[in-house]
């Protein structure tokens, strides 16, 4: 496969985009290793008047925690341009229910993002007061049958149902643990209510990122390593996509992808993407 492979119908050159939405693991870093040209890409964007935002599908870490890792790896000013799926979900709820009451089946850091968005976190310690406006499910490591029952009671009472993501499993050092999607599935099955998912592959986190940047979908390029998460999410939000082969996806898988899984561009890594932009910018 060539460094860049536009698909038919591409609306413009790679250099035309003004806002870049970057996945993290497999794009910017792998584990604790910064990947090729990640810092150079950010520095180029800053110098050329483009915008960058990092999108994490994480349903339990705070923005500060994610940004701290990026800072350790040498990425400049990461906290002001990092968004997690938990934060995006809190912002989406604040838009729909300004000042509203939310039952957060999440870790404390995500509940804190809900409060930071101007919402009231309720029913966390006990059932108290009217039915919440919404139930938000993230990765709740303090989940108990009682807490799950509170979520069901709220949903049956008419609360809106939001999920940070639908990841079925969480990889850990010695295998897997149940992911956010396992909790979401339990409540969907019990209540008969479908959740509104904010994290990838749903478009919610992409829409929130565009809103923060003040960019239109046509101005943005989603850069990821996963066909089923990053590429699908970008297309669902009307954003062009670029796949890098430094993470989940092989060149063969990229070449045979179809429909909403097929990216507009494929690159070996961010260095190849940046090279293509520089080449396209040449008169």
C-alpha atoms as a PDB file:
ATOM      1  CA  UNK A   1       0.000   0.000   0.000  1.00  0.00           C
ATOM      2  CA  UNK A   2       1.231   3.493  -0.754  1.00  0.00           C
ATOM      3  CA  UNK A   3       1.816   6.053   2.003  1.00  0.00           C
ATOM      4  CA  UNK A   4      -1.445   7.769   1.179  1.00  0.00           C
ATOM      5  CA  UNK A   5      -4.421   6.236  -0.527  1.00  0.00           C
ATOM      6  CA  UNK A   6      -7.330   8.618  -1.177  1.00  0.00           C
ATOM      7  CA  UNK A   7     -10.599   6.891  -1.911  1.00  0.00           C
ATOM      8  CA  UNK A   8     -12.876   7.967  -4.777  1.00  0.00           C
ATOM      9  CA  UNK A   9     -14.935  11.042  -3.979  1.00  0.00           C
ATOM     10  CA  UNK A  10     -12.327  12.712  -1.751  1.00  0.00           C
ATOM     11  CA  UNK A  11     -13.378  16.349  -1.464  1.00  0.00           C
ATOM     12  CA  UNK A  12      -9.987  18.021  -1.152  1.00  0.00           C
ATOM     13  CA  UNK A  13      -6.302  17.628  -0.592  1.00  0.00           C
ATOM     14  CA  UNK A  14      -4.834  16.513   2.696  1.00  0.00           C
ATOM     15  CA  UNK A  15      -3.465  20.035   3.253  1.00  0.00           C
ATOM     16  CA  UNK A  16      -6.892  21.665   3.198  1.00  0.00           C
ATOM     17  CA  UNK A  17      -7.963  20.659   6.707  1.00  0.00           C
ATOM     18  CA  UNK A  18      -7.741  23.212   9.515  1.00  0.00           C
ATOM     19  CA  UNK A  19      -8.674  21.055  12.513  1.00  0.00           C
ATOM     20  CA  UNK A  20      -7.208  17.650  13.383  1.00  0.00           C
ATOM     21  CA  UNK A  21      -8.890  15.225  15.800  1.00  0.00           C
ATOM     22  CA  UNK A  22      -6.359  12.644  16.979  1.00  0.00           C
ATOM     23  CA  UNK A  23      -6.968   9.363  18.712  1.00  0.00           C
ATOM     24  CA  UNK A  24      -4.259   8.598  21.260  1.00  0.00           C
ATOM     25  CA  UNK A  25      -3.237   4.964  21.763  1.00  0.00           C
ATOM     26  CA  UNK A  26      -1.897   3.673  18.456  1.00  0.00           C
ATOM     27  CA  UNK A  27      -1.687   7.154  16.911  1.00  0.00           C
ATOM     28  CA  UNK A  28       0.184   9.449  19.307  1.00  0.00           C
ATOM     29  CA  UNK A  29       1.672   6.772  21.564  1.00  0.00           C
ATOM     30  CA  UNK A  30       1.795   3.058  22.208  1.00  0.00           C
ATOM     31  CA  UNK A  31       1.943   2.324  25.901  1.00  0.00           C
ATOM     32  CA  UNK A  32       4.577   4.720  27.210  1.00  0.00           C
ATOM     33  CA  UNK A  33       6.323   5.284  23.878  1.00  0.00           C
ATOM     34  CA  UNK A  34       5.676   8.401  21.795  1.00  0.00           C
ATOM     35  CA  UNK A  35       5.159   7.444  18.160  1.00  0.00           C
ATOM     36  CA  UNK A  36       6.995   8.904  15.181  1.00  0.00           C
ATOM     37  CA  UNK A  37       6.354  12.591  14.440  1.00  0.00           C
ATOM     38  CA  UNK A  38       3.605  12.993  17.059  1.00  0.00           C
ATOM     39  CA  UNK A  39       5.291  16.017  18.632  1.00  0.00           C
ATOM     40  CA  UNK A  40       6.359  17.338  15.235  1.00  0.00           C
ATOM     41  CA  UNK A  41       2.762  17.118  14.007  1.00  0.00           C
ATOM     42  CA  UNK A  42       1.477  19.186  16.927  1.00  0.00           C
ATOM     43  CA  UNK A  43       4.260  21.745  16.529  1.00  0.00           C
ATOM     44  CA  UNK A  44       3.530  22.037  12.803  1.00  0.00           C
ATOM     45  CA  UNK A  45      -0.184  22.543  13.499  1.00  0.00           C
ATOM     46  CA  UNK A  46       0.569  25.281  16.028  1.00  0.00           C
ATOM     47  CA  UNK A  47       3.019  27.024  13.719  1.00  0.00           C
ATOM     48  CA  UNK A  48       0.672  26.896  10.720  1.00  0.00           C
ATOM     49  CA  UNK A  49      -2.454  28.115  12.501  1.00  0.00           C
ATOM     50  CA  UNK A  50      -4.185  24.725  12.519  1.00  0.00           C
ATOM     51  CA  UNK A  51      -5.904  23.228  15.550  1.00  0.00           C
ATOM     52  CA  UNK A  52      -5.352  19.878  17.254  1.00  0.00           C
ATOM     53  CA  UNK A  53      -7.479  18.090  19.818  1.00  0.00           C
ATOM     54  CA  UNK A  54      -6.762  14.676  21.337  1.00  0.00           C
ATOM     55  CA  UNK A  55      -9.752  12.364  21.756  1.00  0.00           C
ATOM     56  CA  UNK A  56      -9.664   9.594  24.336  1.00  0.00           C
ATOM     57  CA  UNK A  57     -12.482   7.045  24.564  1.00  0.00           C
ATOM     58  CA  UNK A  58     -11.530   6.573  28.217  1.00  0.00           C
ATOM     59  CA  UNK A  59     -14.520   6.235  30.531  1.00  0.00           C
ATOM     60  CA  UNK A  60     -12.699   6.513  33.853  1.00  0.00           C
ATOM     61  CA  UNK A  61      -9.667   8.848  33.654  1.00  0.00           C
ATOM     62  CA  UNK A  62      -9.864  12.601  34.102  1.00  0.00           C
ATOM     63  CA  UNK A  63      -8.714  15.005  31.402  1.00  0.00           C
ATOM     64  CA  UNK A  64      -5.855  16.018  33.709  1.00  0.00           C
ATOM     65  CA  UNK A  65      -4.683  12.391  33.980  1.00  0.00           C
ATOM     66  CA  UNK A  66      -4.714  11.862  30.212  1.00  0.00           C
ATOM     67  CA  UNK A  67      -3.011  15.214  29.616  1.00  0.00           C
ATOM     68  CA  UNK A  68      -0.357  14.446  32.222  1.00  0.00           C
ATOM     69  CA  UNK A  69       0.720  11.378  30.249  1.00  0.00           C
ATOM     70  CA  UNK A  70       0.911  13.412  27.044  1.00  0.00           C
ATOM     71  CA  UNK A  71       3.001  16.027  28.848  1.00  0.00           C
ATOM     72  CA  UNK A  72       5.396  13.346  30.155  1.00  0.00           C
ATOM     73  CA  UNK A  73       5.838  12.145  26.582  1.00  0.00           C
ATOM     74  CA  UNK A  74       6.712  15.654  25.387  1.00  0.00           C
ATOM     75  CA  UNK A  75       3.474  16.866  23.784  1.00  0.00           C
ATOM     76  CA  UNK A  76       3.173  20.648  24.276  1.00  0.00           C
ATOM     77  CA  UNK A  77       0.186  22.150  26.142  1.00  0.00           C
ATOM     78  CA  UNK A  78      -1.875  18.925  26.192  1.00  0.00           C
ATOM     79  CA  UNK A  79      -4.485  19.777  28.831  1.00  0.00           C
ATOM     80  CA  UNK A  80      -6.031  22.605  26.815  1.00  0.00           C
ATOM     81  CA  UNK A  81      -6.525  20.267  23.841  1.00  0.00           C
ATOM     82  CA  UNK A  82      -7.534  16.952  25.371  1.00  0.00           C
ATOM     83  CA  UNK A  83     -11.088  15.602  25.534  1.00  0.00           C
ATOM     84  CA  UNK A  84     -12.203  12.311  27.031  1.00  0.00           C
ATOM     85  CA  UNK A  85     -15.424  10.493  26.290  1.00  0.00           C
ATOM     86  CA  UNK A  86     -16.441  11.056  29.915  1.00  0.00           C
ATOM     87  CA  UNK A  87     -16.022  14.803  29.548  1.00  0.00           C
ATOM     88  CA  UNK A  88     -17.845  14.772  26.198  1.00  0.00           C
ATOM     89  CA  UNK A  89     -20.753  12.905  27.796  1.00  0.00           C
ATOM     90  CA  UNK A  90     -20.950  15.451  30.616  1.00  0.00           C
ATOM     91  CA  UNK A  91     -20.982  18.312  28.110  1.00  0.00           C
ATOM     92  CA  UNK A  92     -23.689  16.607  26.034  1.00  0.00           C
ATOM     93  CA  UNK A  93     -25.845  16.197  29.143  1.00  0.00           C
ATOM     94  CA  UNK A  94     -25.294  19.828  30.124  1.00  0.00           C
ATOM     95  CA  UNK A  95     -26.508  20.942  26.695  1.00  0.00           C
ATOM     96  CA  UNK A  96     -29.669  18.858  26.961  1.00  0.00           C
ATOM     97  CA  UNK A  97     -30.378  19.395  30.679  1.00  0.00           C
ATOM     98  CA  UNK A  98     -28.752  22.685  31.788  1.00  0.00           C
ATOM     99  CA  UNK A  99     -28.340  22.515  35.565  1.00  0.00           C
ATOM    100  CA  UNK A 100     -30.078  19.143  35.545  1.00  0.00           C
ATOM    101  CA  UNK A 101     -29.880  16.181  37.902  1.00  0.00           C
ATOM    102  CA  UNK A 102     -27.750  13.202  36.824  1.00  0.00           C
ATOM    103  CA  UNK A 103     -27.279   9.807  38.424  1.00  0.00           C
ATOM    104  CA  UNK A 104     -23.689   8.899  37.565  1.00  0.00           C
ATOM    105  CA  UNK A 105     -22.837   5.204  37.526  1.00  0.00           C
ATOM    106  CA  UNK A 106     -19.190   6.136  37.048  1.00  0.00           C
ATOM    107  CA  UNK A 107     -15.918   6.548  38.849  1.00  0.00           C
ATOM    108  CA  UNK A 108     -15.482   9.709  40.899  1.00  0.00           C
ATOM    109  CA  UNK A 109     -13.419  11.494  38.216  1.00  0.00           C
ATOM    110  CA  UNK A 110     -16.244  11.266  35.668  1.00  0.00           C
ATOM    111  CA  UNK A 111     -18.834  12.293  38.262  1.00  0.00           C
ATOM    112  CA  UNK A 112     -16.587  15.302  38.878  1.00  0.00           C
ATOM    113  CA  UNK A 113     -16.746  16.191  35.173  1.00  0.00           C
ATOM    114  CA  UNK A 114     -20.537  16.056  35.392  1.00  0.00           C
ATOM    115  CA  UNK A 115     -20.460  18.509  38.300  1.00  0.00           C
ATOM    116  CA  UNK A 116     -17.935  20.705  36.463  1.00  0.00           C
ATOM    117  CA  UNK A 117     -20.405  20.930  33.574  1.00  0.00           C
ATOM    118  CA  UNK A 118     -22.907  22.587  35.905  1.00  0.00           C
ATOM    119  CA  UNK A 119     -25.019  19.505  36.571  1.00  0.00           C
ATOM    120  CA  UNK A 120     -26.127  18.068  39.916  1.00  0.00           C
ATOM    121  CA  UNK A 121     -24.823  14.584  40.730  1.00  0.00           C
ATOM    122  CA  UNK A 122     -27.626  12.856  42.649  1.00  0.00           C
ATOM    123  CA  UNK A 123     -28.578   9.460  44.063  1.00  0.00           C
ATOM    124  CA  UNK A 124     -24.898   8.512  44.421  1.00  0.00           C
ATOM    125  CA  UNK A 125     -25.078   7.629  48.114  1.00  0.00           C
ATOM    126  CA  UNK A 126     -28.814   7.005  48.389  1.00  0.00           C
ATOM    127  CA  UNK A 127     -32.103   7.480  46.549  1.00  0.00           C
ATOM    128  CA  UNK A 128     -33.121  11.004  47.459  1.00  0.00           C
ATOM    129  CA  UNK A 129     -35.476  13.405  45.715  1.00  0.00           C
ATOM    130  CA  UNK A 130     -37.264  13.163  42.358  1.00  0.00           C
ATOM    131  CA  UNK A 131     -36.230  10.980  39.453  1.00  0.00           C
ATOM    132  CA  UNK A 132     -33.001  12.321  37.884  1.00  0.00           C
ATOM    133  CA  UNK A 133     -33.090  13.870  34.429  1.00  0.00           C
ATOM    134  CA  UNK A 134     -30.538  11.359  33.204  1.00  0.00           C
ATOM    135  CA  UNK A 135     -28.495   8.296  34.073  1.00  0.00           C
ATOM    136  CA  UNK A 136     -24.881   8.347  32.892  1.00  0.00           C
ATOM    137  CA  UNK A 137     -22.985   5.053  32.793  1.00  0.00           C
ATOM    138  CA  UNK A 138     -19.206   4.871  32.677  1.00  0.00           C
ATOM    139  CA  UNK A 139     -16.763   2.332  34.049  1.00  0.00           C
ATOM    140  CA  UNK A 140     -18.052   2.099  37.635  1.00  0.00           C
ATOM    141  CA  UNK A 141     -15.508   0.190  39.695  1.00  0.00           C
ATOM    142  CA  UNK A 142     -17.674   0.588  42.823  1.00  0.00           C
ATOM    143  CA  UNK A 143     -20.682  -0.985  41.137  1.00  0.00           C
ATOM    144  CA  UNK A 144     -23.003  -2.876  43.453  1.00  0.00           C
ATOM    145  CA  UNK A 145     -26.389  -4.479  42.934  1.00  0.00           C
ATOM    146  CA  UNK A 146     -27.919  -1.617  44.896  1.00  0.00           C
ATOM    147  CA  UNK A 147     -26.312   1.021  42.670  1.00  0.00           C
ATOM    148  CA  UNK A 148     -27.381  -0.851  39.530  1.00  0.00           C
ATOM    149  CA  UNK A 149     -30.919  -1.008  40.934  1.00  0.00           C
ATOM    150  CA  UNK A 150     -30.933   2.774  41.411  1.00  0.00           C
ATOM    151  CA  UNK A 151     -30.041   3.195  37.762  1.00  0.00           C
ATOM    152  CA  UNK A 152     -32.860   0.873  36.730  1.00  0.00           C
ATOM    153  CA  UNK A 153     -35.340   2.725  38.951  1.00  0.00           C
ATOM    154  CA  UNK A 154     -34.340   6.046  37.380  1.00  0.00           C
ATOM    155  CA  UNK A 155     -34.670   4.713  33.833  1.00  0.00           C
ATOM    156  CA  UNK A 156     -38.065   3.150  34.515  1.00  0.00           C
ATOM    157  CA  UNK A 157     -39.097   6.493  35.986  1.00  0.00           C
ATOM    158  CA  UNK A 158     -38.306   8.283  32.721  1.00  0.00           C
ATOM    159  CA  UNK A 159     -34.678   9.393  33.062  1.00  0.00           C
ATOM    160  CA  UNK A 160     -32.687   9.723  29.843  1.00  0.00           C
ATOM    161  CA  UNK A 161     -29.997   7.063  29.378  1.00  0.00           C
ATOM    162  CA  UNK A 162     -26.455   8.116  28.373  1.00  0.00           C
ATOM    163  CA  UNK A 163     -23.341   5.961  28.104  1.00  0.00           C
ATOM    164  CA  UNK A 164     -19.731   7.126  27.950  1.00  0.00           C
ATOM    165  CA  UNK A 165     -18.949   4.250  25.569  1.00  0.00           C
ATOM    166  CA  UNK A 166     -19.983   0.663  24.849  1.00  0.00           C
ATOM    167  CA  UNK A 167     -16.599  -1.036  25.242  1.00  0.00           C
ATOM    168  CA  UNK A 168     -17.459  -4.615  26.279  1.00  0.00           C
ATOM    169  CA  UNK A 169     -14.105  -5.395  27.890  1.00  0.00           C
ATOM    170  CA  UNK A 170     -11.254  -3.496  29.496  1.00  0.00           C
ATOM    171  CA  UNK A 171      -7.786  -4.942  28.848  1.00  0.00           C
ATOM    172  CA  UNK A 172      -5.641  -5.304  31.981  1.00  0.00           C
ATOM    173  CA  UNK A 173      -2.211  -6.817  32.601  1.00  0.00           C
ATOM    174  CA  UNK A 174      -3.452 -10.343  33.225  1.00  0.00           C
ATOM    175  CA  UNK A 175      -6.430 -10.433  30.850  1.00  0.00           C
ATOM    176  CA  UNK A 176      -9.714  -8.525  30.757  1.00  0.00           C
ATOM    177  CA  UNK A 177     -12.271  -6.946  33.065  1.00  0.00           C
ATOM    178  CA  UNK A 178     -15.884  -6.021  32.235  1.00  0.00           C
ATOM    179  CA  UNK A 179     -16.011  -2.719  30.391  1.00  0.00           C
ATOM    180  CA  UNK A 180     -18.542   0.102  30.443  1.00  0.00           C
ATOM    181  CA  UNK A 181     -20.598  -1.679  27.799  1.00  0.00           C
ATOM    182  CA  UNK A 182     -21.249  -4.591  30.155  1.00  0.00           C
ATOM    183  CA  UNK A 183     -22.979  -2.246  32.621  1.00  0.00           C
ATOM    184  CA  UNK A 184     -24.823  -0.483  29.802  1.00  0.00           C
ATOM    185  CA  UNK A 185     -26.069  -3.798  28.422  1.00  0.00           C
ATOM    186  CA  UNK A 186     -27.383  -4.895  31.822  1.00  0.00           C
ATOM    187  CA  UNK A 187     -29.436  -1.717  32.233  1.00  0.00           C
ATOM    188  CA  UNK A 188     -30.670  -1.767  28.635  1.00  0.00           C
ATOM    189  CA  UNK A 189     -31.835  -5.357  29.054  1.00  0.00           C
ATOM    190  CA  UNK A 190     -33.523  -4.688  32.389  1.00  0.00           C
ATOM    191  CA  UNK A 191     -35.166  -1.397  31.422  1.00  0.00           C
ATOM    192  CA  UNK A 192     -35.893  -1.853  27.730  1.00  0.00           C
ATOM    193  CA  UNK A 193     -34.368   1.612  27.178  1.00  0.00           C
ATOM    194  CA  UNK A 194     -31.586   2.108  24.639  1.00  0.00           C
ATOM    195  CA  UNK A 195     -28.670   4.298  25.637  1.00  0.00           C
ATOM    196  CA  UNK A 196     -27.317   7.362  23.846  1.00  0.00           C
ATOM    197  CA  UNK A 197     -23.618   6.555  23.403  1.00  0.00           C
ATOM    198  CA  UNK A 198     -21.194   9.498  23.294  1.00  0.00           C
ATOM    199  CA  UNK A 199     -17.790   7.839  22.874  1.00  0.00           C
ATOM    200  CA  UNK A 200     -16.484   6.308  19.655  1.00  0.00           C
ATOM    201  CA  UNK A 201     -17.796   4.792  17.406  1.00  0.00           C
ATOM    202  CA  UNK A 202     -20.746   7.079  18.114  1.00  0.00           C
ATOM    203  CA  UNK A 203     -20.333  10.636  16.777  1.00  0.00           C
ATOM    204  CA  UNK A 204     -20.981  12.461  20.055  1.00  0.00           C
ATOM    205  CA  UNK A 205     -17.366  12.940  21.120  1.00  0.00           C
ATOM    206  CA  UNK A 206     -16.436  14.139  17.616  1.00  0.00           C
ATOM    207  CA  UNK A 207     -19.302  16.647  17.641  1.00  0.00           C
ATOM    208  CA  UNK A 208     -18.204  17.951  21.049  1.00  0.00           C
ATOM    209  CA  UNK A 209     -14.611  18.296  19.823  1.00  0.00           C
ATOM    210  CA  UNK A 210     -15.716  20.303  16.780  1.00  0.00           C
ATOM    211  CA  UNK A 211     -17.809  22.530  19.027  1.00  0.00           C
ATOM    212  CA  UNK A 212     -14.837  23.212  21.299  1.00  0.00           C
ATOM    213  CA  UNK A 213     -12.606  24.051  18.349  1.00  0.00           C
ATOM    214  CA  UNK A 214     -15.238  26.171  16.644  1.00  0.00           C
ATOM    215  CA  UNK A 215     -14.668  24.118  13.494  1.00  0.00           C
ATOM    216  CA  UNK A 216     -17.081  22.717  10.930  1.00  0.00           C
ATOM    217  CA  UNK A 217     -17.103  19.056   9.934  1.00  0.00           C
ATOM    218  CA  UNK A 218     -15.791  20.025   6.496  1.00  0.00           C
ATOM    219  CA  UNK A 219     -12.713  21.674   8.029  1.00  0.00           C
ATOM    220  CA  UNK A 220     -11.758  18.672  10.162  1.00  0.00           C
ATOM    221  CA  UNK A 221      -9.843  15.429   9.722  1.00  0.00           C
ATOM    222  CA  UNK A 222     -10.228  12.546  12.172  1.00  0.00           C
ATOM    223  CA  UNK A 223      -6.965  10.589  12.559  1.00  0.00           C
ATOM    224  CA  UNK A 224      -7.127   7.147  14.120  1.00  0.00           C
ATOM    225  CA  UNK A 225      -5.795   3.614  14.085  1.00  0.00           C
ATOM    226  CA  UNK A 226      -9.092   1.723  14.387  1.00  0.00           C
ATOM    227  CA  UNK A 227     -11.564   1.180  11.560  1.00  0.00           C
ATOM    228  CA  UNK A 228     -14.479   0.259  13.826  1.00  0.00           C
ATOM    229  CA  UNK A 229     -13.958   3.084  16.338  1.00  0.00           C
ATOM    230  CA  UNK A 230     -12.139   6.098  14.907  1.00  0.00           C
ATOM    231  CA  UNK A 231     -13.084   5.852  11.248  1.00  0.00           C
ATOM    232  CA  UNK A 232     -16.733   4.973  11.879  1.00  0.00           C
ATOM    233  CA  UNK A 233     -17.041   7.785  14.462  1.00  0.00           C
ATOM    234  CA  UNK A 234     -15.549  10.349  12.104  1.00  0.00           C
ATOM    235  CA  UNK A 235     -17.859   9.396   9.264  1.00  0.00           C
ATOM    236  CA  UNK A 236     -20.886   9.346  11.568  1.00  0.00           C
ATOM    237  CA  UNK A 237     -20.105  12.978  12.415  1.00  0.00           C
ATOM    238  CA  UNK A 238     -19.590  13.926   8.755  1.00  0.00           C
ATOM    239  CA  UNK A 239     -15.808  14.285   9.155  1.00  0.00           C
ATOM    240  CA  UNK A 240     -13.170  13.000   6.715  1.00  0.00           C
ATOM    241  CA  UNK A 241     -10.861  10.355   8.155  1.00  0.00           C
ATOM    242  CA  UNK A 242      -7.240   9.257   7.959  1.00  0.00           C
ATOM    243  CA  UNK A 243      -6.020   5.883   9.194  1.00  0.00           C
ATOM    244  CA  UNK A 244      -2.477   5.339  10.463  1.00  0.00           C
ATOM    245  CA  UNK A 245      -1.004   1.844  10.538  1.00  0.00           C
ATOM    246  CA  UNK A 246       0.723   2.177  13.915  1.00  0.00           C
ATOM    247  CA  UNK A 247      -2.019   0.609  16.006  1.00  0.00           C
ATOM    248  CA  UNK A 248      -4.977  -1.720  15.596  1.00  0.00           C
ATOM    249  CA  UNK A 249      -5.274  -1.994  11.819  1.00  0.00           C
ATOM    250  CA  UNK A 250      -3.062  -3.733   9.258  1.00  0.00           C
ATOM    251  CA  UNK A 251      -2.458  -2.491   5.709  1.00  0.00           C
ATOM    252  CA  UNK A 252      -4.503  -5.397   4.344  1.00  0.00           C
ATOM    253  CA  UNK A 253      -7.455  -4.617   6.610  1.00  0.00           C
ATOM    254  CA  UNK A 254      -7.310  -0.976   5.582  1.00  0.00           C
ATOM    255  CA  UNK A 255      -7.179  -1.874   1.902  1.00  0.00           C
ATOM    256  CA  UNK A 256     -10.285  -4.076   2.095  1.00  0.00           C
ATOM    257  CA  UNK A 257     -12.396  -1.861   4.392  1.00  0.00           C
ATOM    258  CA  UNK A 258     -15.796  -0.904   3.016  1.00  0.00           C
ATOM    259  CA  UNK A 259     -18.614   1.532   3.763  1.00  0.00           C
ATOM    260  CA  UNK A 260     -18.276   3.701   6.862  1.00  0.00           C
ATOM    261  CA  UNK A 261     -15.135   1.738   7.851  1.00  0.00           C
ATOM    262  CA  UNK A 262     -13.219   2.907   4.768  1.00  0.00           C
ATOM    263  CA  UNK A 263     -10.995   5.931   5.440  1.00  0.00           C
ATOM    264  CA  UNK A 264     -10.371   8.724   2.962  1.00  0.00           C
ATOM    265  CA  UNK A 265      -6.620   8.377   3.534  1.00  0.00           C
ATOM    266  CA  UNK A 266      -4.242   5.699   4.774  1.00  0.00           C
ATOM    267  CA  UNK A 267      -0.749   6.489   6.091  1.00  0.00           C
ATOM    268  CA  UNK A 268       2.058   4.449   7.561  1.00  0.00           C
ATOM    269  CA  UNK A 269       2.232   6.832  10.540  1.00  0.00           C
ATOM    270  CA  UNK A 270       1.920  10.507  11.497  1.00  0.00           C
ATOM    271  CA  UNK A 271       5.301  11.177   9.902  1.00  0.00           C
ATOM    272  CA  UNK A 272       3.941  10.016   6.533  1.00  0.00           C
ATOM    273  CA  UNK A 273       0.790  12.089   7.008  1.00  0.00           C
ATOM    274  CA  UNK A 274       2.827  15.186   7.803  1.00  0.00           C
ATOM    275  CA  UNK A 275       5.056  14.541   4.787  1.00  0.00           C
ATOM    276  CA  UNK A 276       1.969  14.338   2.555  1.00  0.00           C
ATOM    277  CA  UNK A 277       0.679  17.652   3.912  1.00  0.00           C
ATOM    278  CA  UNK A 278       4.028  19.356   3.316  1.00  0.00           C
ATOM    279  CA  UNK A 279       4.123  17.937  -0.228  1.00  0.00           C
ATOM    280  CA  UNK A 280       0.552  19.072  -0.955  1.00  0.00           C
ATOM    281  CA  UNK A 281       1.360  22.544   0.375  1.00  0.00           C
ATOM    282  CA  UNK A 282       4.233  22.985  -2.100  1.00  0.00           C
ATOM    283  CA  UNK A 283       3.438  25.280  -5.050  1.00  0.00           C
END
